Amino acid sequence: MRTLRQMAGKEPRARIARALRRSPAAVTFKAFKLRVSLRVRKARAAGAGGRAAAVRKAR
């Protein structure tokens, strides 16, 4: 459970499943029972605005 909580939100479900030697469905179910989100959050870029600012500058 510790590994699941540490990896949740940072790694894709398939990678967590491989690390735990479980099926992706089993990982999803356990995360649901623990009330842990598996949604991968994007890392924020260090700087003003990140990618959105770079896209605006490119236009």
N, C-alpha and C. Protein backbone atom coordinates (compact mmCIF):
# COMPACT_ATOMS: atom_id res chain seq x y z
N MET A 1 0.82 -1.19 0.00
CA MET A 1 0.00 0.00 0.00
C MET A 1 0.86 1.25 0.00
N ARG A 2 1.99 1.20 0.65
CA ARG A 2 2.88 2.35 0.69
C ARG A 2 3.33 2.74 -0.72
N THR A 3 3.73 1.74 -1.49
CA THR A 3 4.20 2.00 -2.86
C THR A 3 3.08 2.60 -3.70
N LEU A 4 1.88 2.08 -3.57
CA LEU A 4 0.74 2.61 -4.31
C LEU A 4 0.51 4.07 -3.97
N ARG A 5 0.53 4.39 -2.70
CA ARG A 5 0.31 5.78 -2.29
C ARG A 5 1.43 6.71 -2.77
N GLN A 6 2.66 6.22 -2.76
CA GLN A 6 3.80 7.04 -3.19
C GLN A 6 3.77 7.29 -4.69
N MET A 7 3.37 6.28 -5.47
CA MET A 7 3.41 6.39 -6.92
C MET A 7 2.16 7.04 -7.50
N ALA A 8 1.05 7.00 -6.76
CA ALA A 8 -0.22 7.54 -7.25
C ALA A 8 -0.08 9.02 -7.56
N GLY A 9 -0.54 9.40 -8.73
CA GLY A 9 -0.49 10.79 -9.15
C GLY A 9 0.80 11.17 -9.83
N LYS A 10 1.82 10.30 -9.76
CA LYS A 10 3.11 10.61 -10.35
C LYS A 10 3.44 9.67 -11.51
N GLU A 11 2.96 8.44 -11.42
CA GLU A 11 3.26 7.41 -12.41
C GLU A 11 1.97 6.89 -13.02
N PRO A 12 2.01 6.45 -14.28
CA PRO A 12 0.82 5.86 -14.90
C PRO A 12 0.41 4.56 -14.21
N ARG A 13 -0.85 4.22 -14.35
CA ARG A 13 -1.40 3.03 -13.70
C ARG A 13 -0.64 1.76 -14.11
N ALA A 14 -0.27 1.63 -15.37
CA ALA A 14 0.43 0.44 -15.85
C ALA A 14 1.79 0.28 -15.17
N ARG A 15 2.50 1.38 -14.96
CA ARG A 15 3.80 1.32 -14.30
C ARG A 15 3.66 0.94 -12.83
N ILE A 16 2.63 1.45 -12.18
CA ILE A 16 2.36 1.09 -10.78
C ILE A 16 2.04 -0.40 -10.71
N ALA A 17 1.23 -0.88 -11.65
CA ALA A 17 0.85 -2.30 -11.66
C ALA A 17 2.08 -3.19 -11.83
N ARG A 18 3.00 -2.82 -12.71
CA ARG A 18 4.22 -3.60 -12.90
C ARG A 18 5.06 -3.61 -11.62
N ALA A 19 5.18 -2.45 -10.98
CA ALA A 19 5.98 -2.35 -9.76
C ALA A 19 5.40 -3.22 -8.64
N LEU A 20 4.08 -3.31 -8.60
CA LEU A 20 3.42 -4.08 -7.55
C LEU A 20 3.15 -5.53 -7.96
N ARG A 21 3.49 -5.85 -9.22
CA ARG A 21 3.21 -7.18 -9.78
C ARG A 21 1.74 -7.55 -9.65
N ARG A 22 0.90 -6.60 -10.06
CA ARG A 22 -0.55 -6.77 -10.05
C ARG A 22 -1.10 -6.31 -11.39
N SER A 23 -2.34 -6.65 -11.66
CA SER A 23 -2.98 -6.19 -12.89
C SER A 23 -3.38 -4.72 -12.73
N PRO A 24 -3.49 -4.00 -13.84
CA PRO A 24 -3.96 -2.60 -13.74
C PRO A 24 -5.34 -2.50 -13.08
N ALA A 25 -6.20 -3.47 -13.33
CA ALA A 25 -7.54 -3.45 -12.72
C ALA A 25 -7.44 -3.60 -11.20
N ALA A 26 -6.53 -4.45 -10.74
CA ALA A 26 -6.36 -4.65 -9.30
C ALA A 26 -5.83 -3.37 -8.64
N VAL A 27 -4.93 -2.69 -9.34
CA VAL A 27 -4.38 -1.43 -8.82
C VAL A 27 -5.49 -0.38 -8.73
N THR A 28 -6.31 -0.31 -9.78
CA THR A 28 -7.41 0.65 -9.80
C THR A 28 -8.38 0.39 -8.65
N PHE A 29 -8.72 -0.88 -8.44
CA PHE A 29 -9.66 -1.23 -7.38
C PHE A 29 -9.10 -0.91 -6.01
N LYS A 30 -7.83 -1.23 -5.78
CA LYS A 30 -7.22 -0.95 -4.48
C LYS A 30 -7.14 0.56 -4.23
N ALA A 31 -6.81 1.31 -5.27
CA ALA A 31 -6.75 2.77 -5.13
C ALA A 31 -8.14 3.31 -4.78
N PHE A 32 -9.16 2.75 -5.40
CA PHE A 32 -10.53 3.17 -5.09
C PHE A 32 -10.86 2.88 -3.63
N LYS A 33 -10.49 1.69 -3.15
CA LYS A 33 -10.76 1.34 -1.75
C LYS A 33 -10.02 2.25 -0.78
N LEU A 34 -8.80 2.67 -1.17
CA LEU A 34 -8.00 3.54 -0.31
C LEU A 34 -8.34 5.02 -0.49
N ARG A 35 -9.25 5.30 -1.44
CA ARG A 35 -9.63 6.69 -1.76
C ARG A 35 -8.43 7.49 -2.24
N VAL A 36 -7.62 6.88 -3.11
CA VAL A 36 -6.43 7.52 -3.67
C VAL A 36 -6.67 7.74 -5.15
N SER A 37 -6.36 8.91 -5.65
CA SER A 37 -6.52 9.21 -7.06
C SER A 37 -5.31 8.71 -7.84
N LEU A 38 -5.57 8.04 -8.97
CA LEU A 38 -4.49 7.58 -9.84
C LEU A 38 -4.25 8.55 -10.99
N ARG A 39 -5.00 9.63 -11.02
CA ARG A 39 -4.84 10.61 -12.09
C ARG A 39 -3.43 11.20 -12.04
N VAL A 40 -2.74 11.12 -13.17
CA VAL A 40 -1.36 11.62 -13.24
C VAL A 40 -1.41 13.12 -13.42
N ARG A 41 -0.78 13.81 -12.51
CA ARG A 41 -0.74 15.27 -12.57
C ARG A 41 0.53 15.71 -13.29
N LYS A 42 0.39 16.70 -14.13
CA LYS A 42 1.56 17.21 -14.85
C LYS A 42 2.46 17.97 -13.88
N ALA A 43 3.76 17.80 -14.07
CA ALA A 43 4.73 18.53 -13.24
C ALA A 43 4.74 19.98 -13.69
N ARG A 44 4.77 20.87 -12.77
CA ARG A 44 4.79 22.29 -13.12
C ARG A 44 6.19 22.70 -13.55
N ALA A 45 6.25 23.48 -14.61
CA ALA A 45 7.54 23.96 -15.11
C ALA A 45 8.04 25.06 -14.19
N ALA A 46 9.34 25.05 -13.94
CA ALA A 46 9.94 26.10 -13.12
C ALA A 46 10.12 27.33 -14.00
N GLY A 47 9.33 28.33 -13.75
CA GLY A 47 9.39 29.53 -14.56
C GLY A 47 8.02 30.18 -14.61
N ALA A 48 7.98 31.31 -15.25
CA ALA A 48 6.73 32.06 -15.30
C ALA A 48 5.81 31.51 -16.38
N GLY A 49 4.76 30.84 -15.98
CA GLY A 49 3.74 30.42 -16.92
C GLY A 49 3.93 29.06 -17.53
N GLY A 50 5.11 28.52 -17.55
CA GLY A 50 5.33 27.19 -18.11
C GLY A 50 5.06 27.12 -19.60
N ARG A 51 4.46 26.05 -20.06
CA ARG A 51 4.21 25.82 -21.49
C ARG A 51 3.22 26.82 -22.06
N ALA A 52 2.22 27.19 -21.31
CA ALA A 52 1.20 28.13 -21.82
C ALA A 52 1.85 29.46 -22.20
N ALA A 53 2.78 29.93 -21.40
CA ALA A 53 3.46 31.19 -21.71
C ALA A 53 4.31 31.04 -22.96
N ALA A 54 4.94 29.89 -23.13
CA ALA A 54 5.77 29.66 -24.32
C ALA A 54 4.90 29.63 -25.58
N VAL A 55 3.71 29.07 -25.48
CA VAL A 55 2.79 29.01 -26.62
C VAL A 55 2.32 30.41 -26.97
N ARG A 56 2.02 31.22 -25.96
CA ARG A 56 1.59 32.60 -26.22
C ARG A 56 2.69 33.41 -26.88
N LYS A 57 3.94 33.20 -26.44
CA LYS A 57 5.07 33.93 -27.02
C LYS A 57 5.31 33.54 -28.46
N ALA A 58 5.03 32.27 -28.79
CA ALA A 58 5.28 31.77 -30.14
C ALA A 58 4.29 32.37 -31.13
N ARG A 59 3.13 32.77 -30.69
CA ARG A 59 2.12 33.34 -31.60
C ARG A 59 2.49 34.71 -31.95
